[in-house]
Structures are given as C-alpha cells and as structure tokens.
Amino acid sequence: MPKIIPTSKPDNNDEVDFVWLGQYVRYKRTSLGMGLIEAADMCGLSKTAYSNVELGRKSRVETFFTVLKKFGIRLSVEEHDDDKWI
C-alpha cells in the first residue's frame, strides 16, 4: 500500500465554497493516512462520487453531507440581523 502524504490545510482566509470544502476533506483524509478508495468505502460511496466531493465538483447534497459527517466536519449557518437581501 502506498504511503499517503498529508496535503496542506486550506487557508482559512480563502472564500469558503465547494472547492475549499473539498480541499479540507482531502486534508482530513490524508492527515489520517487514508487512501481515496478507503475513504470512499468508509462513506459508502463509489470512488468517483467521493472524488467529486474532494474536487469540489457537482455532487448530491446527501453525498456531500455524508462525507462531511464521516470525517467529523461540521458546518454552521450564521444569520446576520439585517434587512438586506442580495
């Protein structure tokens, strides 16, 4: 089995989007020494479906949240108290 080299943690100052979240998932996976296929199996997903999450590609919401939950990643929503809608 090849050695897994941990990737760097994405910059917290970057805009958070699906690509950033995918990079964070990859960081968590590689920090655990886990390969792509092992992570996909842990999440009950195909290698392609799992890889799409890490790459920030279009994925089903359920797939995305399954991966986050399996790696212990929590998202929160912050509501701003203003009347402006953009």
C-alpha atoms as a PDB file:
ATOM      1  CA  MET A   1       0.000   0.000   0.000  1.00  0.00           C
ATOM      2  CA  PRO A   2       1.465   3.391  -0.968  1.00  0.00           C
ATOM      3  CA  LYS A   3       2.264   5.897   1.747  1.00  0.00           C
ATOM      4  CA  ILE A   4      -0.287   8.713   1.955  1.00  0.00           C
ATOM      5  CA  ILE A   5       1.307  12.148   2.122  1.00  0.00           C
ATOM      6  CA  PRO A   6      -0.833  14.666   4.019  1.00  0.00           C
ATOM      7  CA  THR A   7      -1.916  17.673   1.985  1.00  0.00           C
ATOM      8  CA  SER A   8      -1.800  21.147   3.432  1.00  0.00           C
ATOM      9  CA  LYS A   9      -4.804  22.596   5.193  1.00  0.00           C
ATOM     10  CA  PRO A  10      -6.633  25.151   3.018  1.00  0.00           C
ATOM     11  CA  ASP A  11      -6.207  28.775   4.026  1.00  0.00           C
ATOM     12  CA  ASN A  12      -8.915  29.924   6.446  1.00  0.00           C
ATOM     13  CA  ASN A  13      -8.810  33.357   4.827  1.00  0.00           C
ATOM     14  CA  ASP A  14      -9.959  31.972   1.477  1.00  0.00           C
ATOM     15  CA  GLU A  15     -13.596  32.178   0.464  1.00  0.00           C
ATOM     16  CA  VAL A  16     -15.416  29.053   1.598  1.00  0.00           C
ATOM     17  CA  ASP A  17     -17.010  27.278  -1.338  1.00  0.00           C
ATOM     18  CA  PHE A  18     -17.326  23.679  -2.529  1.00  0.00           C
ATOM     19  CA  VAL A  19     -13.739  23.657  -3.808  1.00  0.00           C
ATOM     20  CA  TRP A  20     -12.432  24.878  -0.426  1.00  0.00           C
ATOM     21  CA  LEU A  21     -14.545  22.313   1.428  1.00  0.00           C
ATOM     22  CA  GLY A  22     -13.292  19.568  -0.884  1.00  0.00           C
ATOM     23  CA  GLN A  23      -9.713  20.607  -0.151  1.00  0.00           C
ATOM     24  CA  TYR A  24     -10.496  20.463   3.559  1.00  0.00           C
ATOM     25  CA  VAL A  25     -11.935  16.946   3.200  1.00  0.00           C
ATOM     26  CA  ARG A  26      -8.781  15.882   1.326  1.00  0.00           C
ATOM     27  CA  TYR A  27      -6.660  17.415   4.096  1.00  0.00           C
ATOM     28  CA  LYS A  28      -8.590  15.441   6.740  1.00  0.00           C
ATOM     29  CA  ARG A  29      -8.370  12.193   4.747  1.00  0.00           C
ATOM     30  CA  THR A  30      -4.650  12.452   4.051  1.00  0.00           C
ATOM     31  CA  SER A  31      -3.928  13.540   7.633  1.00  0.00           C
ATOM     32  CA  LEU A  32      -5.456  10.239   8.692  1.00  0.00           C
ATOM     33  CA  GLY A  33      -3.241   8.352   6.236  1.00  0.00           C
ATOM     34  CA  MET A  34      -6.316   7.199   4.364  1.00  0.00           C
ATOM     35  CA  GLY A  35      -6.368   6.496   0.641  1.00  0.00           C
ATOM     36  CA  LEU A  36      -9.114   7.600  -1.722  1.00  0.00           C
ATOM     37  CA  ILE A  37     -10.673   4.149  -2.132  1.00  0.00           C
ATOM     38  CA  GLU A  38     -10.601   3.534   1.630  1.00  0.00           C
ATOM     39  CA  ALA A  39     -12.360   6.870   2.225  1.00  0.00           C
ATOM     40  CA  ALA A  40     -14.961   6.145  -0.448  1.00  0.00           C
ATOM     41  CA  ASP A  41     -15.638   2.735   1.134  1.00  0.00           C
ATOM     42  CA  MET A  42     -15.921   4.297   4.607  1.00  0.00           C
ATOM     43  CA  CYS A  43     -18.529   6.719   3.249  1.00  0.00           C
ATOM     44  CA  GLY A  44     -20.385   4.022   1.310  1.00  0.00           C
ATOM     45  CA  LEU A  45     -19.721   5.811  -1.980  1.00  0.00           C
ATOM     46  CA  SER A  46     -18.158   4.973  -5.304  1.00  0.00           C
ATOM     47  CA  LYS A  47     -14.636   6.237  -5.872  1.00  0.00           C
ATOM     48  CA  THR A  48     -15.992   8.704  -8.460  1.00  0.00           C
ATOM     49  CA  ALA A  49     -18.707  10.111  -6.176  1.00  0.00           C
ATOM     50  CA  TYR A  50     -16.224  10.533  -3.343  1.00  0.00           C
ATOM     51  CA  SER A  51     -13.594  12.078  -5.597  1.00  0.00           C
ATOM     52  CA  ASN A  52     -16.131  14.597  -6.922  1.00  0.00           C
ATOM     53  CA  VAL A  53     -16.614  15.878  -3.359  1.00  0.00           C
ATOM     54  CA  GLU A  54     -12.872  16.350  -2.851  1.00  0.00           C
ATOM     55  CA  LEU A  55     -12.592  18.124  -6.195  1.00  0.00           C
ATOM     56  CA  GLY A  56     -15.484  20.467  -5.407  1.00  0.00           C
ATOM     57  CA  ARG A  57     -17.467  19.160  -8.366  1.00  0.00           C
ATOM     58  CA  LYS A  58     -21.222  18.980  -8.550  1.00  0.00           C
ATOM     59  CA  SER A  59     -22.439  16.364  -6.080  1.00  0.00           C
ATOM     60  CA  ARG A  60     -25.730  15.447  -4.491  1.00  0.00           C
ATOM     61  CA  VAL A  61     -26.285  17.273  -1.211  1.00  0.00           C
ATOM     62  CA  GLU A  62     -26.741  13.941   0.565  1.00  0.00           C
ATOM     63  CA  THR A  63     -23.393  12.732  -0.769  1.00  0.00           C
ATOM     64  CA  PHE A  64     -21.629  15.877   0.333  1.00  0.00           C
ATOM     65  CA  PHE A  65     -23.045  15.763   3.867  1.00  0.00           C
ATOM     66  CA  THR A  66     -22.338  12.034   4.183  1.00  0.00           C
ATOM     67  CA  VAL A  67     -18.642  12.712   3.564  1.00  0.00           C
ATOM     68  CA  LEU A  68     -18.545  15.631   5.988  1.00  0.00           C
ATOM     69  CA  LYS A  69     -20.255  13.585   8.707  1.00  0.00           C
ATOM     70  CA  LYS A  70     -17.934  10.591   8.281  1.00  0.00           C
ATOM     71  CA  PHE A  71     -14.911  12.855   8.756  1.00  0.00           C
ATOM     72  CA  GLY A  72     -16.421  14.729  11.693  1.00  0.00           C
ATOM     73  CA  ILE A  73     -16.660  18.015   9.799  1.00  0.00           C
ATOM     74  CA  ARG A  74     -19.500  20.275  10.894  1.00  0.00           C
ATOM     75  CA  LEU A  75     -20.912  23.230   9.002  1.00  0.00           C
ATOM     76  CA  SER A  76     -22.792  26.053  10.631  1.00  0.00           C
ATOM     77  CA  VAL A  77     -25.045  28.760   9.301  1.00  0.00           C
ATOM     78  CA  GLU A  78     -24.679  32.258  10.597  1.00  0.00           C
ATOM     79  CA  GLU A  79     -27.649  34.533  10.219  1.00  0.00           C
ATOM     80  CA  HIS A  80     -26.996  38.238  10.010  1.00  0.00           C
ATOM     81  CA  ASP A  81     -29.517  40.544  11.594  1.00  0.00           C
ATOM     82  CA  ASP A  82     -30.078  42.923   8.708  1.00  0.00           C
ATOM     83  CA  ASP A  83     -32.876  43.579   6.278  1.00  0.00           C
ATOM     84  CA  LYS A  84     -30.762  43.461   3.124  1.00  0.00           C
ATOM     85  CA  TRP A  85     -31.172  40.525   0.776  1.00  0.00           C
ATOM     86  CA  ILE A  86     -28.709  40.155  -2.011  1.00  0.00           C
END
